[in-house]
């Protein structure tokens, strides 16, 4: 008998004709501000610049070490500047070699680091703002202290925190959307 059997001669299934079953997967576009983008580099550099400015302005006073909140501000924004500058170098490298920083471990590291440093920076800026208000408004000792510099350093720390927040939220969103 010369009949064809499916086990011997398999027949391929016809391609699906409905569009719903054959939709190609699309990757999310790189949103400016995410790691490995030029917006991410701009955010990281602005974080670093404002954090370094806060450290320099606070360190230019000779009596900031007498207040614990100001020492905490210097430590927190010092850590923020190192973290942001190192991630800016990673972003610049990724842009130069055209690498995508979409690895979940890398995004997790960036998210956790941004979350920790932004929390420390915000807490330090709030504590320094409270002490600055205490010195300036409540005690009226601005003539003996460097209130203008303290306020400037605190404002720079807040601006640095405002620049960290988009980086943290974009990284967290990217991690959560996987």
Protein backbone atom coordinates (compact mmCIF):
# COMPACT_ATOMS: atom_id res chain seq x y z
CA UNK A 1 0.00 0.00 0.00
CA UNK A 2 1.43 3.41 -1.01
CA UNK A 3 -0.57 5.63 1.38
CA UNK A 4 1.17 8.46 3.18
CA UNK A 5 1.16 8.44 6.98
CA UNK A 6 1.51 11.61 9.06
CA UNK A 7 4.22 10.06 11.22
CA UNK A 8 6.33 9.43 8.18
CA UNK A 9 5.50 12.65 6.33
CA UNK A 10 4.50 15.30 8.86
CA UNK A 11 2.41 18.17 7.62
CA UNK A 12 3.23 21.64 8.87
CA UNK A 13 0.47 23.63 10.52
CA UNK A 14 -0.73 26.58 8.51
CA UNK A 15 0.32 29.99 9.86
CA UNK A 16 -2.10 31.80 12.08
CA UNK A 17 -4.27 34.26 10.21
CA UNK A 18 -5.62 36.30 13.11
CA UNK A 19 -3.48 39.23 14.20
CA UNK A 20 -4.22 38.79 17.90
CA UNK A 21 -2.36 35.50 18.19
CA UNK A 22 0.71 36.60 16.25
CA UNK A 23 1.63 39.93 17.82
CA UNK A 24 5.38 40.59 17.94
CA UNK A 25 6.75 41.57 21.33
CA UNK A 26 7.89 45.15 21.54
CA UNK A 27 10.47 46.44 23.99
CA UNK A 28 9.75 49.60 25.88
CA UNK A 29 11.56 52.60 24.49
CA UNK A 30 14.37 54.11 26.48
CA UNK A 31 12.86 57.11 28.21
CA UNK A 32 15.22 60.02 28.73
CA UNK A 33 16.41 59.92 32.32
CA UNK A 34 16.80 56.15 32.47
CA UNK A 35 20.28 54.63 32.77
CA UNK A 36 22.24 54.62 29.55
CA UNK A 37 20.49 57.64 28.02
CA UNK A 38 21.69 61.20 27.55
CA UNK A 39 18.91 62.38 29.88
CA UNK A 40 20.23 59.97 32.50
CA UNK A 41 23.70 61.46 32.16
CA UNK A 42 22.27 64.97 32.53
CA UNK A 43 20.36 63.97 35.67
CA UNK A 44 23.41 62.28 37.18
CA UNK A 45 25.67 65.23 36.45
CA UNK A 46 23.17 67.71 37.91
CA UNK A 47 22.86 65.54 41.03
CA UNK A 48 26.63 65.56 41.40
CA UNK A 49 27.04 69.27 40.74
CA UNK A 50 24.44 70.32 43.30
CA UNK A 51 25.71 67.85 45.89
CA UNK A 52 29.30 69.06 45.45
CA UNK A 53 28.08 72.65 45.67
CA UNK A 54 26.32 71.86 48.95
CA UNK A 55 29.47 70.27 50.36
CA UNK A 56 31.68 73.16 49.24
CA UNK A 57 29.39 75.87 50.59
CA UNK A 58 28.96 74.09 53.92
CA UNK A 59 32.67 73.35 54.21
CA UNK A 60 33.49 77.00 53.54
CA UNK A 61 32.13 77.86 56.98
CA UNK A 62 34.36 77.29 59.95
CA UNK A 63 31.66 76.34 62.45
CA UNK A 64 29.51 73.78 60.65
CA UNK A 65 31.12 70.97 62.65
CA UNK A 66 29.50 72.28 65.83
CA UNK A 67 26.03 71.24 64.57
CA UNK A 68 25.33 67.55 64.02
CA UNK A 69 22.72 68.18 61.31
CA UNK A 70 25.25 70.11 59.24
CA UNK A 71 27.82 67.33 59.60
CA UNK A 72 25.13 64.88 58.51
CA UNK A 73 24.37 67.09 55.51
CA UNK A 74 28.03 67.08 54.45
CA UNK A 75 28.24 63.30 54.81
CA UNK A 76 24.96 62.63 52.98
CA UNK A 77 25.57 64.93 50.03
CA UNK A 78 29.20 63.75 49.88
CA UNK A 79 27.90 60.20 49.44
CA UNK A 80 25.33 61.48 46.94
CA UNK A 81 27.98 63.20 44.87
CA UNK A 82 30.21 60.12 44.74
CA UNK A 83 27.28 57.84 43.86
CA UNK A 84 25.89 60.14 41.17
CA UNK A 85 29.27 60.84 39.62
CA UNK A 86 30.15 57.16 39.42
CA UNK A 87 26.80 56.35 37.79
CA UNK A 88 27.30 59.26 35.40
CA UNK A 89 30.54 57.61 34.28
CA UNK A 90 28.70 54.31 33.82
CA UNK A 91 26.03 56.07 31.75
CA UNK A 92 28.64 57.85 29.64
CA UNK A 93 30.45 54.56 29.03
CA UNK A 94 27.17 52.88 28.06
CA UNK A 95 26.44 55.66 25.59
CA UNK A 96 29.93 55.54 24.07
CA UNK A 97 29.93 51.78 23.51
CA UNK A 98 26.20 51.71 22.70
CA UNK A 99 25.31 49.34 25.53
CA UNK A 100 21.85 48.97 26.97
CA UNK A 101 21.67 49.06 30.75
CA UNK A 102 18.43 47.06 30.87
CA UNK A 103 19.82 44.18 32.92
CA UNK A 104 17.55 43.58 35.92
CA UNK A 105 20.50 43.29 38.30
CA UNK A 106 21.95 46.59 37.13
CA UNK A 107 18.58 48.32 37.38
CA UNK A 108 18.09 46.82 40.86
CA UNK A 109 21.48 48.14 41.97
CA UNK A 110 20.74 51.59 40.56
CA UNK A 111 17.28 51.65 42.16
CA UNK A 112 18.47 50.58 45.60
CA UNK A 113 21.41 52.99 45.52
CA UNK A 114 19.24 55.88 44.37
CA UNK A 115 16.66 55.08 47.02
CA UNK A 116 19.21 55.02 49.82
CA UNK A 117 21.12 58.11 48.76
CA UNK A 118 17.97 60.12 48.04
CA UNK A 119 16.52 59.25 51.43
CA UNK A 120 19.75 60.24 53.18
CA UNK A 121 20.01 63.48 51.21
CA UNK A 122 16.39 64.44 51.87
CA UNK A 123 16.67 63.69 55.59
CA UNK A 124 19.89 65.68 55.87
CA UNK A 125 18.43 68.63 53.96
CA UNK A 126 15.33 68.62 56.17
CA UNK A 127 17.41 68.47 59.35
CA UNK A 128 19.66 71.28 58.13
CA UNK A 129 16.66 73.38 57.14
CA UNK A 130 15.24 72.95 60.63
CA UNK A 131 18.48 74.04 62.27
CA UNK A 132 18.83 76.97 59.88
CA UNK A 133 15.30 78.15 60.72
CA UNK A 134 16.07 77.71 64.41
CA UNK A 135 19.25 79.79 64.18
CA UNK A 136 17.83 82.47 61.92
CA UNK A 137 14.22 82.96 62.99
CA UNK A 138 13.90 81.58 66.50
CA UNK A 139 17.25 82.46 68.06
CA UNK A 140 18.06 85.48 65.89
CA UNK A 141 21.77 84.59 65.83
CA UNK A 142 22.45 85.16 62.13
CA UNK A 143 24.87 87.94 62.99
CA UNK A 144 27.15 85.41 64.72
CA UNK A 145 26.59 82.53 62.29
CA UNK A 146 26.79 81.97 58.57
CA UNK A 147 23.04 81.76 57.95
CA UNK A 148 23.30 82.64 54.28
CA UNK A 149 25.79 79.85 53.62
CA UNK A 150 23.81 77.37 55.69
CA UNK A 151 20.67 78.23 53.72
CA UNK A 152 22.53 77.99 50.41
CA UNK A 153 23.99 74.59 51.25
CA UNK A 154 20.58 73.35 52.38
CA UNK A 155 18.97 74.61 49.18
CA UNK A 156 21.63 72.88 47.09
CA UNK A 157 20.97 69.64 48.96
CA UNK A 158 17.24 69.94 48.24
CA UNK A 159 17.94 70.62 44.56
CA UNK A 160 20.21 67.59 44.45
CA UNK A 161 17.40 65.52 45.97
CA UNK A 162 14.97 66.88 43.37
CA UNK A 163 17.37 65.69 40.67
CA UNK A 164 17.73 62.23 42.26
CA UNK A 165 14.00 61.63 42.50
CA UNK A 166 13.34 61.22 38.74
CA UNK A 167 16.26 58.81 38.46
CA UNK A 168 14.92 56.71 41.32
CA UNK A 169 11.34 56.66 40.04
CA UNK A 170 12.34 55.85 36.44
CA UNK A 171 14.60 53.01 37.61
CA UNK A 172 11.92 51.71 39.95
CA UNK A 173 9.30 51.90 37.20
CA UNK A 174 11.60 50.08 34.79
CA UNK A 175 12.25 47.39 37.39
CA UNK A 176 8.57 47.02 38.24
CA UNK A 177 7.48 46.82 34.59
CA UNK A 178 9.56 43.72 33.87
